[in-house]
Amino acid sequence: MNKPIRGDLRGAKFGFISRERDVIMNIAEVDTLEKDLFCPEDHFQNMLINERKRTERFGRPFMLILLDVGRLLGEGSKEKPAVLQNLAFALNSSTREIDMKGWYLFGSLVGIICPEFYEANKTRLVEKLRQKLKSFLEPEEAASIKIYCIMYPDNEVAHTEDSAPAKSEQINQEWPGLLLS
C-alpha cells in the first residue's frame, strides 16, 4: 500500500486512480518547482532589458550567463523535480545575492544576470559554477550543461569549453530565437 504524500489519501482498492494521481501530482510538482526556483521567462526578459538600459546609462558592465539545460531536462528525465532543485541549489551557492536567475528560454536555457560584473572575474565565476554543478548533480548531468557567457557592453561571447571565434553566431545557430548580438 502506498503511503500518503502531503496528506493525500489514496484509495488502496483503486490502484489505477492512485497511479493517475501520482502522475498528476508529479506534473504539478514539476510545474511548481520550475516556477518557484527560477523567475518566469517574461519576468527574466524584463530584468535583462532593464539591466541593459542601466548599463547603457551608467556604463557599469554586467554579464549574462546562459546554461543550456535542455538535454538535462529532456523527455527521459524521470527525476526532473530533484534535478531542478539541485540545479537551483548549485546556482544559488555559486552566485551572489544580487545576481538574478530565471528562465531565458523556458525549459531549455536558464539565465543568470550578474550586475556590475567585470571581465577579469568571469573565468573564476564559471569555474566555481562548474564545480558547484558537479557537486550537486550527477557527473553526466553536470557534463551535459553547456555554459555561455555574454559580457555587456562589450558583447563578447565566450563558451567555457570551446574557443571558436564567433560565439554569438554559434549560439544563434543552436538557438535561432535568441538573436544575440
Protein backbone atom coordinates (compact mmCIF):
# COMPACT_ATOMS: atom_id res chain seq x y z
CA MET A 1 0.00 0.00 0.00
CA ASN A 2 1.31 3.44 -0.92
CA LYS A 3 1.99 5.87 1.89
CA PRO A 4 0.07 9.15 1.68
CA ILE A 5 2.09 12.06 0.34
CA ARG A 6 1.32 15.55 1.65
CA GLY A 7 -1.89 14.39 3.29
CA ASP A 8 -3.24 12.89 0.07
CA LEU A 9 -5.42 9.90 0.90
CA ARG A 10 -5.08 7.39 -1.89
CA GLY A 11 -7.54 4.58 -2.37
CA ALA A 12 -5.96 1.20 -1.78
CA LYS A 13 -8.80 -0.52 -3.68
CA PHE A 14 -8.38 1.53 -6.82
CA GLY A 15 -4.76 1.20 -7.93
CA PHE A 16 -5.31 2.89 -11.31
CA ILE A 17 -6.68 6.02 -9.57
CA SER A 18 -3.62 6.05 -7.35
CA ARG A 19 -1.30 5.93 -10.39
CA GLU A 20 -3.21 8.72 -12.16
CA ARG A 21 -2.97 10.90 -9.07
CA ASP A 22 0.76 10.18 -8.83
CA VAL A 23 1.25 11.33 -12.42
CA ILE A 24 -0.85 14.47 -11.88
CA MET A 25 0.96 15.27 -8.63
CA ASN A 26 4.37 14.81 -10.29
CA ILE A 27 3.42 17.11 -13.17
CA ALA A 28 2.06 19.73 -10.76
CA GLU A 29 5.16 19.42 -8.59
CA VAL A 30 7.48 19.97 -11.57
CA ASP A 31 5.47 22.99 -12.74
CA THR A 32 5.56 24.49 -9.25
CA LEU A 33 9.29 23.86 -8.92
CA GLU A 34 10.03 25.34 -12.34
CA LYS A 35 8.12 28.49 -11.42
CA ASP A 36 9.38 28.77 -7.83
CA LEU A 37 13.09 28.05 -8.35
CA PHE A 38 13.65 30.43 -11.27
CA CYS A 39 11.97 33.64 -12.41
CA PRO A 40 9.47 33.11 -15.23
CA GLU A 41 10.70 33.80 -18.75
CA ASP A 42 8.85 37.09 -19.29
CA HIS A 43 9.95 38.50 -15.92
CA PHE A 44 13.56 37.49 -16.58
CA GLN A 45 13.47 39.10 -20.03
CA ASN A 46 12.23 42.36 -18.46
CA MET A 47 15.03 42.25 -15.88
CA LEU A 48 17.55 41.72 -18.69
CA ILE A 49 16.16 44.69 -20.65
CA ASN A 50 16.32 46.89 -17.54
CA GLU A 51 19.88 45.80 -16.76
CA ARG A 52 20.98 46.52 -20.32
CA LYS A 53 19.42 50.00 -20.14
CA ARG A 54 21.14 50.59 -16.80
CA THR A 55 24.45 49.54 -18.34
CA GLU A 56 23.99 51.93 -21.25
CA ARG A 57 23.06 54.76 -18.89
CA PHE A 58 25.76 54.34 -16.24
CA GLY A 59 28.45 52.36 -18.04
CA ARG A 60 28.67 49.58 -15.44
CA PRO A 61 29.17 46.22 -17.15
CA PHE A 62 27.18 43.09 -16.45
CA MET A 63 27.45 39.51 -17.55
CA LEU A 64 24.70 37.23 -18.78
CA ILE A 65 25.35 33.54 -18.21
CA LEU A 66 23.21 31.08 -20.16
CA LEU A 67 23.08 27.45 -19.09
CA ASP A 68 21.81 25.07 -21.73
CA VAL A 69 19.84 22.57 -19.62
CA GLY A 70 17.66 21.24 -22.44
CA ARG A 71 19.37 17.84 -22.56
CA LEU A 72 19.37 17.61 -18.76
CA LEU A 73 15.62 18.21 -18.53
CA GLY A 74 14.73 16.24 -21.66
CA GLU A 75 11.94 13.74 -22.15
CA GLY A 76 13.81 10.86 -20.50
CA SER A 77 14.39 12.67 -17.22
CA LYS A 78 12.49 10.79 -14.52
CA GLU A 79 13.82 12.81 -11.60
CA LYS A 80 13.04 16.25 -13.05
CA PRO A 81 11.94 17.87 -9.74
CA ALA A 82 15.08 16.69 -7.95
CA VAL A 83 17.31 17.76 -10.84
CA LEU A 84 15.70 21.21 -10.94
CA GLN A 85 16.07 21.60 -7.21
CA ASN A 86 19.73 20.54 -7.29
CA LEU A 87 20.36 22.88 -10.21
CA ALA A 88 18.85 25.75 -8.22
CA PHE A 89 21.00 24.86 -5.18
CA ALA A 90 24.13 24.82 -7.35
CA LEU A 91 23.31 28.21 -8.90
CA ASN A 92 22.38 29.82 -5.59
CA SER A 93 25.54 28.60 -3.90
CA SER A 94 27.84 29.81 -6.69
CA THR A 95 26.36 33.25 -7.35
CA ARG A 96 25.90 36.46 -5.38
CA GLU A 97 22.61 37.55 -3.83
CA ILE A 98 22.27 40.39 -6.35
CA ASP A 99 22.58 38.02 -9.32
CA MET A 100 19.21 37.35 -10.93
CA LYS A 101 18.34 33.81 -12.02
CA GLY A 102 15.48 32.87 -14.32
CA TRP A 103 14.31 31.12 -17.44
CA TYR A 104 15.81 32.81 -20.50
CA LEU A 105 14.04 30.21 -22.62
CA PHE A 106 11.62 28.15 -20.52
CA GLY A 107 12.66 24.53 -20.13
CA SER A 108 15.87 24.95 -22.15
CA LEU A 109 18.03 27.89 -21.06
CA VAL A 110 18.50 29.18 -17.53
CA GLY A 111 19.93 32.67 -17.39
CA ILE A 112 21.90 34.45 -14.70
CA ILE A 113 22.29 38.23 -14.82
CA CYS A 114 25.39 39.34 -12.90
CA PRO A 115 25.20 43.15 -12.48
CA GLU A 116 28.39 45.19 -12.02
CA PHE A 117 30.49 42.25 -13.12
CA TYR A 118 33.88 42.69 -14.75
CA GLU A 119 35.62 40.57 -17.37
CA ALA A 120 38.52 39.71 -15.04
CA ASN A 121 36.22 37.73 -12.72
CA LYS A 122 34.50 35.71 -15.47
CA THR A 123 36.77 32.67 -15.52
CA ARG A 124 36.73 32.32 -11.75
CA LEU A 125 32.91 32.50 -11.62
CA VAL A 126 32.46 29.95 -14.40
CA GLU A 127 34.91 27.56 -12.71
CA LYS A 128 33.07 27.96 -9.40
CA LEU A 129 29.74 27.41 -11.16
CA ARG A 130 31.05 24.27 -12.89
CA GLN A 131 32.37 22.91 -9.55
CA LYS A 132 29.02 23.51 -7.82
CA LEU A 133 27.15 21.83 -10.67
CA LYS A 134 29.43 18.79 -10.29
CA SER A 135 28.84 18.68 -6.54
CA PHE A 136 25.03 19.00 -6.68
CA LEU A 137 24.34 16.95 -9.83
CA GLU A 138 25.47 13.58 -11.15
CA PRO A 139 28.71 13.83 -13.20
CA GLU A 140 26.99 13.05 -16.52
CA GLU A 141 24.21 15.56 -15.72
CA ALA A 142 26.72 18.31 -14.93
CA ALA A 143 28.71 17.50 -18.08
CA SER A 144 25.59 17.81 -20.25
CA ILE A 145 25.16 21.51 -19.35
CA LYS A 146 26.76 23.98 -21.75
CA ILE A 147 27.66 27.37 -20.27
CA TYR A 148 27.71 30.56 -22.36
CA CYS A 149 28.92 33.91 -21.03
CA ILE A 150 27.99 37.23 -22.63
CA MET A 151 29.56 40.45 -21.34
CA TYR A 152 27.76 43.75 -21.78
CA PRO A 153 28.59 46.38 -23.05
CA ASP A 154 31.46 44.54 -24.80
CA ASN A 155 29.13 41.97 -26.40
CA GLU A 156 31.93 39.42 -26.37
CA VAL A 157 30.56 35.92 -26.09
CA ALA A 158 32.65 33.13 -24.66
CA HIS A 159 31.90 29.49 -24.15
CA THR A 160 33.87 27.86 -21.37
CA GLU A 161 34.55 24.58 -23.17
CA ASP A 162 35.05 25.85 -26.72
CA SER A 163 37.30 28.58 -28.10
CA ALA A 164 35.76 29.12 -31.55
CA PRO A 165 35.83 32.79 -32.62
CA ALA A 166 32.19 33.65 -33.38
CA LYS A 167 30.31 32.52 -30.27
CA SER A 168 27.27 34.69 -30.85
CA GLU A 169 26.88 33.09 -34.29
CA GLN A 170 27.19 29.61 -32.79
CA ILE A 171 24.57 30.37 -30.14
CA ASN A 172 22.28 31.90 -32.77
CA GLN A 173 22.59 28.74 -34.86
CA GLU A 174 21.86 26.46 -31.90
CA TRP A 175 19.04 28.69 -30.61
CA PRO A 176 17.62 30.60 -33.62
CA GLY A 177 15.14 32.56 -31.48
CA LEU A 178 17.77 34.19 -29.28
CA LEU A 179 19.38 36.58 -31.77
CA LEU A 180 22.39 37.52 -29.67
CA SER A 181 24.45 40.43 -30.92
